[in-house]
């Protein structure tokens, strides 16, 4: 085959440090837009970005040349730096880790709707409950003693 063909979608989830409600209503739309710009600068496509005050969900499409670890390193580092430059008195920080889950093309619309409903969803379910459910659903082993560092 002479060409490479991919359609790689990922659902990314990560929280603010100590799950503090650092993503204020003033910050949220600007931060999400900035994160979308970072994804585009990495030749990806941001399909959905949303979340409550203590974490964020992203649905992204990445090129075959991008590793998820590199995308997240650049995304978290640059967005945190931008927050500190734009809101100098903010104590904003991201948690160290993240969750990255593959999404089949047939599930893209349902994941997009799920991300769009985050504010309502988290009136019923905590971030911790949600994240553990994702790990279990995707067959990812974890040790709860270290998951929230």
Protein backbone atom coordinates (compact mmCIF):
# COMPACT_ATOMS: atom_id res chain seq x y z
CA UNK A 1 0.00 0.00 0.00
CA UNK A 2 1.53 3.29 -1.07
CA UNK A 3 -0.19 5.58 1.46
CA UNK A 4 -1.00 5.56 5.14
CA UNK A 5 -4.66 5.87 6.12
CA UNK A 6 -5.71 6.50 9.70
CA UNK A 7 -8.72 7.72 11.63
CA UNK A 8 -7.45 7.90 15.22
CA UNK A 9 -9.80 9.29 17.85
CA UNK A 10 -9.02 9.58 21.56
CA UNK A 11 -11.04 10.61 24.59
CA UNK A 12 -8.65 12.37 26.98
CA UNK A 13 -9.48 13.07 30.63
CA UNK A 14 -7.39 14.86 33.23
CA UNK A 15 -8.04 16.96 36.28
CA UNK A 16 -6.71 20.04 37.90
CA UNK A 17 -4.12 19.48 40.62
CA UNK A 18 -5.81 18.04 43.72
CA UNK A 19 -9.06 18.32 41.75
CA UNK A 20 -9.43 21.92 42.85
CA UNK A 21 -12.21 23.84 41.05
CA UNK A 22 -9.65 26.01 39.23
CA UNK A 23 -11.44 26.23 35.89
CA UNK A 24 -13.58 29.26 36.62
CA UNK A 25 -16.48 30.40 34.42
CA UNK A 26 -14.26 33.26 33.21
CA UNK A 27 -11.37 30.93 32.37
CA UNK A 28 -13.27 27.97 30.92
CA UNK A 29 -14.20 29.14 27.39
CA UNK A 30 -10.83 30.76 26.83
CA UNK A 31 -8.91 27.75 28.15
CA UNK A 32 -10.91 25.33 26.02
CA UNK A 33 -10.37 27.48 22.93
CA UNK A 34 -6.65 27.70 23.66
CA UNK A 35 -6.44 23.92 24.11
CA UNK A 36 -8.18 23.48 20.75
CA UNK A 37 -5.51 25.70 19.19
CA UNK A 38 -2.77 23.56 20.71
CA UNK A 39 -4.35 20.41 19.25
CA UNK A 40 -4.56 22.07 15.82
CA UNK A 41 -0.90 23.18 16.07
CA UNK A 42 -0.04 19.50 16.51
CA UNK A 43 -1.97 18.73 13.29
CA UNK A 44 -4.85 17.22 15.22
CA UNK A 45 -8.52 18.09 15.23
CA UNK A 46 -10.34 19.00 18.46
CA UNK A 47 -13.82 17.50 18.16
CA UNK A 48 -15.07 18.31 21.68
CA UNK A 49 -13.67 19.99 24.79
CA UNK A 50 -15.64 20.49 27.98
CA UNK A 51 -15.81 19.68 31.65
CA UNK A 52 -16.66 21.10 35.06
CA UNK A 53 -14.41 23.25 37.25
CA UNK A 54 -12.07 20.43 38.31
CA UNK A 55 -11.32 18.48 35.12
CA UNK A 56 -11.53 18.43 31.36
CA UNK A 57 -12.58 15.97 28.67
CA UNK A 58 -11.33 16.20 25.12
CA UNK A 59 -12.26 14.21 22.05
CA UNK A 60 -9.50 14.62 19.50
CA UNK A 61 -8.45 13.20 16.18
CA UNK A 62 -4.69 12.84 15.78
CA UNK A 63 -2.42 12.16 12.83
CA UNK A 64 -0.57 8.86 12.65
CA UNK A 65 2.68 10.64 13.50
CA UNK A 66 1.46 11.93 16.88
CA UNK A 67 1.91 9.96 20.09
CA UNK A 68 -0.75 10.51 22.74
CA UNK A 69 1.97 11.01 25.38
CA UNK A 70 3.55 13.80 23.33
CA UNK A 71 0.18 15.42 22.59
CA UNK A 72 -0.72 15.45 26.28
CA UNK A 73 2.69 16.71 27.37
CA UNK A 74 2.45 19.67 24.99
CA UNK A 75 -1.24 20.26 25.70
CA UNK A 76 -0.93 20.31 29.48
CA UNK A 77 2.36 22.22 29.61
CA UNK A 78 1.37 24.93 27.15
CA UNK A 79 -2.18 25.41 28.47
CA UNK A 80 -0.92 25.70 32.05
CA UNK A 81 1.70 28.22 30.98
CA UNK A 82 -0.94 30.20 29.11
CA UNK A 83 -3.22 30.28 32.18
CA UNK A 84 -0.38 31.62 34.34
CA UNK A 85 0.51 34.29 31.76
CA UNK A 86 -3.11 35.32 31.16
CA UNK A 87 -4.32 35.06 34.77
CA UNK A 88 -1.14 35.81 36.76
CA UNK A 89 -2.78 35.45 40.18
CA UNK A 90 -4.23 32.04 39.38
CA UNK A 91 -2.98 29.01 41.30
CA UNK A 92 -3.95 26.83 38.35
CA UNK A 93 -2.18 23.52 37.68
CA UNK A 94 -3.01 20.21 36.02
CA UNK A 95 -2.65 16.85 37.75
CA UNK A 96 0.40 14.82 36.78
CA UNK A 97 -1.37 11.98 34.97
CA UNK A 98 -4.23 11.53 32.53
CA UNK A 99 -6.56 8.99 31.00
CA UNK A 100 -6.49 8.37 27.27
CA UNK A 101 -9.08 6.07 25.75
CA UNK A 102 -9.42 5.03 22.12
CA UNK A 103 -12.73 5.80 20.45
CA UNK A 104 -14.02 3.96 17.41
CA UNK A 105 -15.37 6.06 14.56
CA UNK A 106 -18.86 4.70 15.21
CA UNK A 107 -18.77 6.05 18.79
CA UNK A 108 -17.51 9.57 18.01
CA UNK A 109 -20.97 11.18 18.11
CA UNK A 110 -21.93 9.56 21.42
CA UNK A 111 -18.60 10.59 23.02
CA UNK A 112 -19.09 14.11 21.70
CA UNK A 113 -22.56 14.24 23.33
CA UNK A 114 -21.17 12.78 26.57
CA UNK A 115 -18.50 15.50 26.72
CA UNK A 116 -21.08 18.21 25.98
CA UNK A 117 -23.18 17.03 28.95
CA UNK A 118 -20.41 17.17 31.55
CA UNK A 119 -21.89 19.91 33.73
CA UNK A 120 -25.15 17.97 34.10
CA UNK A 121 -23.41 14.60 34.42
CA UNK A 122 -21.30 15.75 37.35
CA UNK A 123 -24.32 16.76 39.38
CA UNK A 124 -24.78 13.00 39.80
CA UNK A 125 -21.29 11.50 39.57
CA UNK A 126 -17.96 12.67 41.01
CA UNK A 127 -14.81 12.90 38.92
CA UNK A 128 -13.30 10.01 40.91
CA UNK A 129 -16.32 7.76 40.29
CA UNK A 130 -16.35 8.66 36.61
CA UNK A 131 -12.63 8.06 36.12
CA UNK A 132 -12.68 4.67 37.90
CA UNK A 133 -15.63 3.66 35.69
CA UNK A 134 -13.62 4.58 32.58
CA UNK A 135 -10.64 2.53 33.76
CA UNK A 136 -12.85 -0.49 34.44
CA UNK A 137 -14.79 -0.15 31.16
CA UNK A 138 -11.52 -0.10 29.22
CA UNK A 139 -9.93 -2.99 31.14
CA UNK A 140 -7.16 -0.86 32.65
CA UNK A 141 -5.65 -2.12 35.88
CA UNK A 142 -4.92 0.45 38.57
CA UNK A 143 -3.94 0.76 42.21
CA UNK A 144 -6.22 3.24 43.93
CA UNK A 145 -3.44 4.17 46.37
CA UNK A 146 -1.61 5.95 43.53
CA UNK A 147 -4.35 7.04 41.18
CA UNK A 148 -5.09 10.43 42.76
CA UNK A 149 -1.55 11.77 43.21
